[in-house]
């Protein structure tokens, strides 16, 4: 499993590794895909200071109020897997 790290400095600078894509960006919300699932950051005056999808790193300046990972959807069990548990 690849690593995914979040380093927050005084809630004003956030360094995230393991990023695979920037899905959406505004001054108050950033949505990222990471190797651990979707990540939603909420805050104020966001600016992407550095973005390198090749190495999976993003550095964000701006006040971070919250961050949350999307809950990955569990694959549905088919009839055969239910029968042979």
N, C-alpha and C. Protein backbone atom coordinates (compact mmCIF):
# COMPACT_ATOMS: atom_id res chain seq x y z
N UNK A 1 0.84 -1.18 0.00
CA UNK A 1 0.00 0.00 0.00
C UNK A 1 0.88 1.24 0.00
N UNK A 2 0.55 2.16 -0.86
CA UNK A 2 1.31 3.41 -0.92
C UNK A 2 0.92 4.30 0.26
N UNK A 3 1.86 5.17 0.64
CA UNK A 3 1.60 6.04 1.79
C UNK A 3 0.81 7.26 1.38
N UNK A 4 0.12 7.80 2.35
CA UNK A 4 -0.63 9.04 2.21
C UNK A 4 -0.41 9.81 3.50
N UNK A 5 0.31 10.93 3.42
CA UNK A 5 0.61 11.72 4.60
C UNK A 5 0.00 13.10 4.47
N UNK A 6 -0.42 13.65 5.61
CA UNK A 6 -0.93 15.02 5.67
C UNK A 6 -0.15 15.72 6.79
N UNK A 7 0.52 16.80 6.42
CA UNK A 7 1.27 17.60 7.39
C UNK A 7 0.62 18.98 7.41
N UNK A 8 0.16 19.40 8.58
CA UNK A 8 -0.52 20.69 8.74
C UNK A 8 0.35 21.57 9.61
N UNK A 9 0.72 22.75 9.09
CA UNK A 9 1.53 23.70 9.83
C UNK A 9 0.67 24.89 10.24
N UNK A 10 0.33 24.97 11.51
CA UNK A 10 -0.43 26.09 12.07
C UNK A 10 -1.74 26.36 11.33
N UNK A 11 -2.31 25.32 10.75
CA UNK A 11 -3.55 25.41 9.97
C UNK A 11 -3.45 26.34 8.77
N UNK A 12 -2.26 26.82 8.42
CA UNK A 12 -2.10 27.76 7.32
C UNK A 12 -1.37 27.16 6.12
N UNK A 13 -0.70 26.05 6.31
CA UNK A 13 0.02 25.39 5.22
C UNK A 13 -0.21 23.89 5.37
N UNK A 14 -0.64 23.24 4.31
CA UNK A 14 -0.94 21.81 4.34
C UNK A 14 -0.19 21.12 3.22
N UNK A 15 0.59 20.12 3.58
CA UNK A 15 1.35 19.33 2.62
C UNK A 15 0.76 17.93 2.60
N UNK A 16 0.33 17.48 1.41
CA UNK A 16 -0.32 16.17 1.29
C UNK A 16 0.43 15.34 0.27
N UNK A 17 0.77 14.11 0.65
CA UNK A 17 1.39 13.18 -0.29
C UNK A 17 0.41 12.05 -0.59
N UNK A 18 0.67 11.34 -1.68
CA UNK A 18 -0.22 10.27 -2.09
C UNK A 18 -1.38 10.75 -2.94
N UNK A 19 -1.27 11.97 -3.48
CA UNK A 19 -2.34 12.55 -4.30
C UNK A 19 -2.23 12.01 -5.72
N UNK A 20 -3.36 11.57 -6.25
CA UNK A 20 -3.40 11.07 -7.63
C UNK A 20 -4.09 12.02 -8.59
N UNK A 21 -4.96 12.93 -8.06
CA UNK A 21 -5.67 13.86 -8.94
C UNK A 21 -6.31 14.96 -8.10
N UNK A 22 -6.43 16.16 -8.70
CA UNK A 22 -7.20 17.25 -8.11
C UNK A 22 -8.55 17.24 -8.82
N UNK A 23 -9.60 16.92 -8.09
CA UNK A 23 -10.94 16.80 -8.67
C UNK A 23 -11.60 18.16 -8.80
N UNK A 24 -11.52 18.98 -7.74
CA UNK A 24 -12.14 20.31 -7.75
C UNK A 24 -11.34 21.22 -6.83
N UNK A 25 -11.40 22.53 -7.15
CA UNK A 25 -10.65 23.50 -6.38
C UNK A 25 -11.39 24.82 -6.36
N UNK A 26 -11.53 25.40 -5.17
CA UNK A 26 -12.02 26.77 -5.01
C UNK A 26 -11.30 27.36 -3.80
N UNK A 27 -11.57 28.63 -3.50
CA UNK A 27 -10.91 29.25 -2.35
C UNK A 27 -11.34 28.65 -1.02
N UNK A 28 -12.49 27.94 -1.00
CA UNK A 28 -13.00 27.40 0.26
C UNK A 28 -13.07 25.88 0.32
N UNK A 29 -12.84 25.20 -0.81
CA UNK A 29 -12.91 23.74 -0.79
C UNK A 29 -12.01 23.15 -1.86
N UNK A 30 -11.31 22.08 -1.49
CA UNK A 30 -10.48 21.34 -2.43
C UNK A 30 -10.84 19.86 -2.30
N UNK A 31 -11.07 19.22 -3.43
CA UNK A 31 -11.38 17.80 -3.45
C UNK A 31 -10.26 17.09 -4.21
N UNK A 32 -9.65 16.13 -3.53
CA UNK A 32 -8.52 15.40 -4.09
C UNK A 32 -8.83 13.92 -4.14
N UNK A 33 -8.24 13.23 -5.11
CA UNK A 33 -8.18 11.78 -5.09
C UNK A 33 -6.81 11.42 -4.55
N UNK A 34 -6.78 10.51 -3.59
CA UNK A 34 -5.51 10.02 -3.06
C UNK A 34 -5.48 8.51 -3.17
N UNK A 35 -4.34 7.92 -2.90
CA UNK A 35 -4.26 6.47 -2.95
C UNK A 35 -4.97 5.82 -1.77
N UNK A 36 -5.54 6.62 -0.86
CA UNK A 36 -6.34 6.12 0.25
C UNK A 36 -7.82 6.48 0.09
N UNK A 37 -8.20 7.05 -1.07
CA UNK A 37 -9.59 7.45 -1.32
C UNK A 37 -9.71 8.94 -1.51
N UNK A 38 -10.94 9.40 -1.67
CA UNK A 38 -11.20 10.82 -1.86
C UNK A 38 -10.95 11.60 -0.59
N UNK A 39 -10.49 12.83 -0.73
CA UNK A 39 -10.18 13.69 0.41
C UNK A 39 -10.77 15.07 0.15
N UNK A 40 -11.57 15.56 1.09
CA UNK A 40 -12.21 16.87 0.95
C UNK A 40 -11.65 17.79 2.03
N UNK A 41 -11.10 18.93 1.60
CA UNK A 41 -10.56 19.93 2.52
C UNK A 41 -11.45 21.16 2.46
N UNK A 42 -11.80 21.71 3.62
CA UNK A 42 -12.59 22.92 3.70
C UNK A 42 -11.80 23.97 4.46
N UNK A 43 -11.94 25.23 4.03
CA UNK A 43 -11.20 26.29 4.69
C UNK A 43 -11.45 27.64 4.05
N UNK A 44 -10.43 28.49 4.13
CA UNK A 44 -10.54 29.86 3.63
C UNK A 44 -9.28 30.25 2.88
N UNK A 45 -9.46 31.01 1.81
CA UNK A 45 -8.35 31.58 1.04
C UNK A 45 -7.35 30.54 0.55
N UNK A 46 -7.85 29.39 0.09
CA UNK A 46 -6.96 28.34 -0.41
C UNK A 46 -6.25 28.77 -1.68
N UNK A 47 -4.96 28.43 -1.73
CA UNK A 47 -4.15 28.57 -2.95
C UNK A 47 -3.28 27.33 -3.03
N UNK A 48 -3.23 26.75 -4.21
CA UNK A 48 -2.33 25.62 -4.39
C UNK A 48 -0.95 26.19 -4.68
N UNK A 49 -0.02 25.97 -3.76
CA UNK A 49 1.33 26.49 -3.88
C UNK A 49 2.19 25.59 -4.75
N UNK A 50 1.99 24.28 -4.63
CA UNK A 50 2.76 23.32 -5.42
C UNK A 50 1.87 22.14 -5.74
N UNK A 51 1.93 21.68 -6.98
CA UNK A 51 1.18 20.50 -7.38
C UNK A 51 2.06 19.65 -8.27
N UNK A 52 2.28 18.42 -7.87
CA UNK A 52 3.04 17.48 -8.67
C UNK A 52 2.34 16.12 -8.59
N UNK A 53 1.48 15.87 -9.55
CA UNK A 53 0.77 14.60 -9.58
C UNK A 53 1.74 13.46 -9.89
N UNK A 54 2.83 13.76 -10.60
CA UNK A 54 3.82 12.73 -10.92
C UNK A 54 4.41 12.10 -9.66
N UNK A 55 4.69 12.94 -8.65
CA UNK A 55 5.22 12.40 -7.40
C UNK A 55 4.14 12.33 -6.32
N UNK A 56 2.93 12.79 -6.64
CA UNK A 56 1.80 12.68 -5.72
C UNK A 56 1.82 13.65 -4.57
N UNK A 57 2.25 14.88 -4.81
CA UNK A 57 2.36 15.85 -3.72
C UNK A 57 1.62 17.13 -4.07
N UNK A 58 0.95 17.70 -3.07
CA UNK A 58 0.33 19.01 -3.22
C UNK A 58 0.59 19.79 -1.93
N UNK A 59 0.90 21.08 -2.10
CA UNK A 59 1.08 21.98 -0.96
C UNK A 59 0.05 23.09 -1.10
N UNK A 60 -0.73 23.28 -0.05
CA UNK A 60 -1.84 24.23 -0.07
C UNK A 60 -1.59 25.29 0.99
N UNK A 61 -1.71 26.55 0.61
CA UNK A 61 -1.68 27.66 1.56
C UNK A 61 -3.12 28.13 1.76
N UNK A 62 -3.42 28.56 2.96
CA UNK A 62 -4.76 29.02 3.32
C UNK A 62 -5.19 28.35 4.60
N UNK A 63 -6.17 28.91 5.26
CA UNK A 63 -6.60 28.41 6.57
C UNK A 63 -7.43 27.13 6.40
N UNK A 64 -6.94 26.04 6.99
CA UNK A 64 -7.63 24.76 6.95
C UNK A 64 -8.59 24.66 8.13
N UNK A 65 -9.88 24.46 7.82
CA UNK A 65 -10.88 24.29 8.87
C UNK A 65 -11.20 22.83 9.13
N UNK A 66 -11.20 22.02 8.06
CA UNK A 66 -11.49 20.59 8.24
C UNK A 66 -11.02 19.81 7.04
N UNK A 67 -10.83 18.51 7.26
CA UNK A 67 -10.59 17.60 6.15
C UNK A 67 -11.23 16.27 6.49
N UNK A 68 -11.74 15.60 5.47
CA UNK A 68 -12.43 14.33 5.68
C UNK A 68 -12.21 13.44 4.47
N UNK A 69 -12.02 12.16 4.74
CA UNK A 69 -11.90 11.18 3.67
C UNK A 69 -13.28 10.67 3.31
N UNK A 70 -13.51 10.47 2.01
CA UNK A 70 -14.73 9.80 1.57
C UNK A 70 -14.68 8.36 2.05
N UNK A 71 -15.80 7.85 2.41
CA UNK A 71 -15.87 6.44 2.78
C UNK A 71 -15.94 5.63 1.50
N UNK A 72 -14.98 4.73 1.28
CA UNK A 72 -15.02 3.94 0.05
C UNK A 72 -16.24 3.04 0.03
N UNK A 73 -16.83 2.91 -1.13
CA UNK A 73 -17.99 2.05 -1.29
C UNK A 73 -17.54 0.59 -1.25
N UNK A 74 -18.26 -0.20 -0.48
CA UNK A 74 -17.96 -1.62 -0.40
C UNK A 74 -18.58 -2.33 -1.59
N UNK A 75 -17.83 -3.22 -2.23
CA UNK A 75 -18.41 -3.95 -3.35
C UNK A 75 -19.55 -4.83 -2.86
N UNK A 76 -20.59 -4.90 -3.70
CA UNK A 76 -21.74 -5.73 -3.35
C UNK A 76 -21.36 -7.20 -3.47
N UNK A 77 -21.86 -7.98 -2.52
CA UNK A 77 -21.61 -9.41 -2.57
C UNK A 77 -22.58 -10.04 -3.57
N UNK A 78 -22.07 -10.96 -4.33
CA UNK A 78 -22.98 -11.65 -5.24
C UNK A 78 -23.55 -12.89 -4.55
N UNK A 79 -24.48 -13.53 -5.20
CA UNK A 79 -25.18 -14.67 -4.63
C UNK A 79 -24.22 -15.79 -4.25
N UNK A 80 -23.21 -16.07 -5.11
CA UNK A 80 -22.27 -17.15 -4.84
C UNK A 80 -21.43 -16.89 -3.60
N UNK A 81 -20.98 -15.66 -3.41
CA UNK A 81 -20.17 -15.38 -2.23
C UNK A 81 -20.97 -15.46 -0.95
N UNK A 82 -22.27 -15.13 -1.01
CA UNK A 82 -23.13 -15.26 0.16
C UNK A 82 -23.37 -16.73 0.51
N UNK A 83 -23.51 -17.57 -0.51
CA UNK A 83 -23.81 -18.99 -0.28
C UNK A 83 -22.63 -19.74 0.31
N UNK A 84 -21.41 -19.35 -0.05
CA UNK A 84 -20.23 -20.12 0.34
C UNK A 84 -19.41 -19.44 1.43
N UNK A 85 -20.02 -18.75 2.34
CA UNK A 85 -19.31 -18.13 3.46
C UNK A 85 -19.03 -19.14 4.53
